[in-house]
């Protein structure tokens, strides 16, 4: 029981620690596209290389790309 409580507290602390950090996007790349060039895809999405990760923008980017195909 005590071990489970310690693990739960540790888990809670780690989640809070990582949720407060800003995640960065490394490099955006596209694979398997033959209909639209990488350059054109990059122009229409909101996310950018080395920018802060934003789940909302990623969802919007996925929707835009899906609608194009």
N, C-alpha and C. Protein backbone atom coordinates (compact mmCIF):
# COMPACT_ATOMS: atom_id res chain seq x y z
N UNK A 1 0.83 -1.20 0.00
CA UNK A 1 0.00 0.00 0.00
C UNK A 1 0.87 1.25 0.00
N UNK A 2 1.90 1.25 0.84
CA UNK A 2 2.76 2.42 0.93
C UNK A 2 3.52 2.64 -0.38
N UNK A 3 3.96 1.53 -0.99
CA UNK A 3 4.67 1.62 -2.27
C UNK A 3 3.76 2.20 -3.35
N UNK A 4 2.50 1.78 -3.36
CA UNK A 4 1.54 2.29 -4.34
C UNK A 4 1.30 3.78 -4.14
N UNK A 5 1.23 4.21 -2.89
CA UNK A 5 1.02 5.62 -2.59
C UNK A 5 2.21 6.45 -3.03
N UNK A 6 3.41 5.96 -2.79
CA UNK A 6 4.63 6.67 -3.21
C UNK A 6 4.67 6.77 -4.73
N UNK A 7 4.33 5.68 -5.43
CA UNK A 7 4.31 5.71 -6.89
C UNK A 7 3.26 6.67 -7.42
N UNK A 8 2.11 6.72 -6.76
CA UNK A 8 1.05 7.63 -7.17
C UNK A 8 1.50 9.09 -7.00
N UNK A 9 2.13 9.40 -5.89
CA UNK A 9 2.63 10.76 -5.65
C UNK A 9 3.71 11.11 -6.67
N UNK A 10 4.62 10.18 -6.93
CA UNK A 10 5.67 10.41 -7.91
C UNK A 10 5.08 10.65 -9.29
N UNK A 11 4.09 9.85 -9.66
CA UNK A 11 3.40 10.00 -10.94
C UNK A 11 2.76 11.38 -11.04
N UNK A 12 2.08 11.80 -9.98
CA UNK A 12 1.43 13.10 -9.94
C UNK A 12 2.45 14.23 -10.11
N UNK A 13 3.58 14.12 -9.42
CA UNK A 13 4.62 15.15 -9.52
C UNK A 13 5.21 15.21 -10.92
N UNK A 14 5.45 14.05 -11.53
CA UNK A 14 6.01 14.03 -12.88
C UNK A 14 5.05 14.61 -13.90
N UNK A 15 3.78 14.30 -13.77
CA UNK A 15 2.78 14.86 -14.69
C UNK A 15 2.75 16.37 -14.56
N UNK A 16 2.73 16.86 -13.35
CA UNK A 16 2.71 18.32 -13.15
C UNK A 16 3.98 18.97 -13.67
N UNK A 17 5.11 18.34 -13.46
CA UNK A 17 6.38 18.89 -13.93
C UNK A 17 6.40 18.98 -15.45
N UNK A 18 6.04 17.89 -16.12
CA UNK A 18 6.09 17.88 -17.59
C UNK A 18 4.97 18.68 -18.22
N UNK A 19 3.84 18.80 -17.57
CA UNK A 19 2.74 19.56 -18.16
C UNK A 19 3.03 21.06 -18.12
N UNK A 20 3.94 21.49 -17.27
CA UNK A 20 4.27 22.91 -17.19
C UNK A 20 5.40 23.29 -18.15
N UNK A 21 6.08 22.31 -18.69
CA UNK A 21 7.16 22.59 -19.64
C UNK A 21 6.56 22.80 -21.02
N UNK A 22 7.18 23.70 -21.78
CA UNK A 22 6.75 23.90 -23.15
C UNK A 22 7.49 22.91 -24.04
N UNK A 23 6.74 22.19 -24.83
CA UNK A 23 7.33 21.24 -25.76
C UNK A 23 7.64 21.97 -27.06
N UNK A 24 8.78 21.65 -27.65
CA UNK A 24 9.20 22.28 -28.90
C UNK A 24 9.07 21.28 -30.05
N UNK A 25 8.67 21.78 -31.19
CA UNK A 25 8.65 20.98 -32.41
C UNK A 25 10.05 20.98 -32.96
N UNK A 26 10.55 19.82 -33.30
CA UNK A 26 11.89 19.72 -33.88
C UNK A 26 11.87 20.14 -35.34
N UNK A 27 11.59 19.20 -36.21
CA UNK A 27 11.56 19.46 -37.64
C UNK A 27 10.30 18.82 -38.22
N UNK A 28 9.59 19.56 -39.03
CA UNK A 28 8.39 19.05 -39.68
C UNK A 28 8.79 18.47 -41.02
N UNK A 29 8.34 17.27 -41.28
CA UNK A 29 8.60 16.65 -42.59
C UNK A 29 7.35 15.91 -43.04
N UNK A 30 7.25 15.73 -44.33
CA UNK A 30 6.09 15.07 -44.92
C UNK A 30 6.58 13.83 -45.66
N UNK A 31 5.83 12.75 -45.56
CA UNK A 31 6.20 11.51 -46.24
C UNK A 31 4.99 10.96 -46.97
N UNK A 32 5.24 10.40 -48.14
CA UNK A 32 4.20 9.74 -48.89
C UNK A 32 3.30 10.64 -49.70
N UNK A 33 3.63 11.92 -49.74
CA UNK A 33 2.78 12.83 -50.51
C UNK A 33 3.28 12.91 -51.95
N UNK A 34 2.36 12.72 -52.88
CA UNK A 34 2.73 12.85 -54.30
C UNK A 34 1.83 13.86 -55.00
N UNK A 35 0.78 14.25 -54.34
CA UNK A 35 -0.20 15.17 -54.92
C UNK A 35 0.21 16.64 -54.71
N UNK A 36 0.76 16.93 -53.55
CA UNK A 36 1.13 18.31 -53.19
C UNK A 36 2.58 18.30 -52.73
N UNK A 37 3.35 19.31 -53.12
CA UNK A 37 4.77 19.35 -52.75
C UNK A 37 4.93 19.64 -51.26
N UNK A 38 6.07 19.26 -50.72
CA UNK A 38 6.37 19.55 -49.31
C UNK A 38 6.30 21.05 -49.03
N UNK A 39 6.81 21.84 -49.95
CA UNK A 39 6.82 23.29 -49.78
C UNK A 39 5.41 23.85 -49.68
N UNK A 40 4.52 23.36 -50.55
CA UNK A 40 3.14 23.84 -50.51
C UNK A 40 2.43 23.40 -49.23
N UNK A 41 2.69 22.17 -48.79
CA UNK A 41 2.10 21.70 -47.53
C UNK A 41 2.58 22.54 -46.37
N UNK A 42 3.87 22.85 -46.35
CA UNK A 42 4.43 23.64 -45.26
C UNK A 42 3.80 25.04 -45.22
N UNK A 43 3.49 25.58 -46.39
CA UNK A 43 2.89 26.92 -46.46
C UNK A 43 1.48 26.95 -45.88
N UNK A 44 0.74 25.85 -45.98
CA UNK A 44 -0.67 25.88 -45.55
C UNK A 44 -0.88 25.48 -44.10
N UNK A 45 0.13 24.90 -43.45
CA UNK A 45 -0.05 24.52 -42.05
C UNK A 45 0.36 25.66 -41.13
N UNK A 46 -0.11 25.60 -39.90
CA UNK A 46 0.21 26.63 -38.91
C UNK A 46 1.47 26.32 -38.11
N UNK A 47 1.72 25.04 -37.89
CA UNK A 47 2.88 24.64 -37.09
C UNK A 47 4.17 24.96 -37.85
N UNK A 48 5.23 25.25 -37.12
CA UNK A 48 6.52 25.60 -37.71
C UNK A 48 7.64 24.88 -36.98
N UNK A 49 8.74 24.64 -37.72
CA UNK A 49 9.93 24.05 -37.11
C UNK A 49 10.38 24.92 -35.94
N UNK A 50 10.81 24.28 -34.87
CA UNK A 50 11.38 24.93 -33.69
C UNK A 50 10.40 25.84 -32.95
N UNK A 51 9.10 25.68 -33.21
CA UNK A 51 8.11 26.48 -32.47
C UNK A 51 7.58 25.66 -31.30
N UNK A 52 6.83 26.30 -30.43
CA UNK A 52 6.22 25.60 -29.31
C UNK A 52 5.12 24.68 -29.83
N UNK A 53 5.04 23.48 -29.26
CA UNK A 53 4.01 22.53 -29.65
C UNK A 53 2.66 23.04 -29.19
N UNK A 54 1.68 22.97 -30.09
CA UNK A 54 0.32 23.39 -29.79
C UNK A 54 -0.62 22.33 -30.36
N UNK A 55 -1.30 21.59 -29.48
CA UNK A 55 -2.16 20.49 -29.93
C UNK A 55 -3.28 21.00 -30.84
N UNK A 56 -3.80 22.18 -30.54
CA UNK A 56 -4.86 22.75 -31.38
C UNK A 56 -4.39 23.01 -32.80
N UNK A 57 -3.19 23.59 -32.92
CA UNK A 57 -2.64 23.84 -34.25
C UNK A 57 -2.38 22.53 -34.99
N UNK A 58 -1.88 21.53 -34.27
CA UNK A 58 -1.62 20.24 -34.90
C UNK A 58 -2.91 19.62 -35.41
N UNK A 59 -3.97 19.71 -34.63
CA UNK A 59 -5.27 19.19 -35.07
C UNK A 59 -5.76 19.94 -36.31
N UNK A 60 -5.62 21.26 -36.30
CA UNK A 60 -6.02 22.06 -37.46
C UNK A 60 -5.19 21.71 -38.69
N UNK A 61 -3.89 21.52 -38.50
CA UNK A 61 -3.00 21.15 -39.62
C UNK A 61 -3.43 19.82 -40.22
N UNK A 62 -3.72 18.85 -39.38
CA UNK A 62 -4.14 17.53 -39.85
C UNK A 62 -5.45 17.63 -40.63
N UNK A 63 -6.36 18.45 -40.15
CA UNK A 63 -7.65 18.63 -40.83
C UNK A 63 -7.45 19.28 -42.20
N UNK A 64 -6.61 20.30 -42.27
CA UNK A 64 -6.36 20.99 -43.53
C UNK A 64 -5.76 20.03 -44.55
N UNK A 65 -4.76 19.28 -44.13
CA UNK A 65 -4.10 18.34 -45.04
C UNK A 65 -5.07 17.25 -45.49
N UNK A 66 -5.87 16.74 -44.57
CA UNK A 66 -6.85 15.72 -44.90
C UNK A 66 -7.86 16.23 -45.92
N UNK A 67 -8.30 17.46 -45.76
CA UNK A 67 -9.28 18.04 -46.69
C UNK A 67 -8.69 18.24 -48.08
N UNK A 68 -7.40 18.49 -48.17
CA UNK A 68 -6.75 18.66 -49.47
C UNK A 68 -6.71 17.37 -50.27
N UNK A 69 -6.55 16.27 -49.56
CA UNK A 69 -6.47 14.97 -50.22
C UNK A 69 -7.85 14.37 -50.34
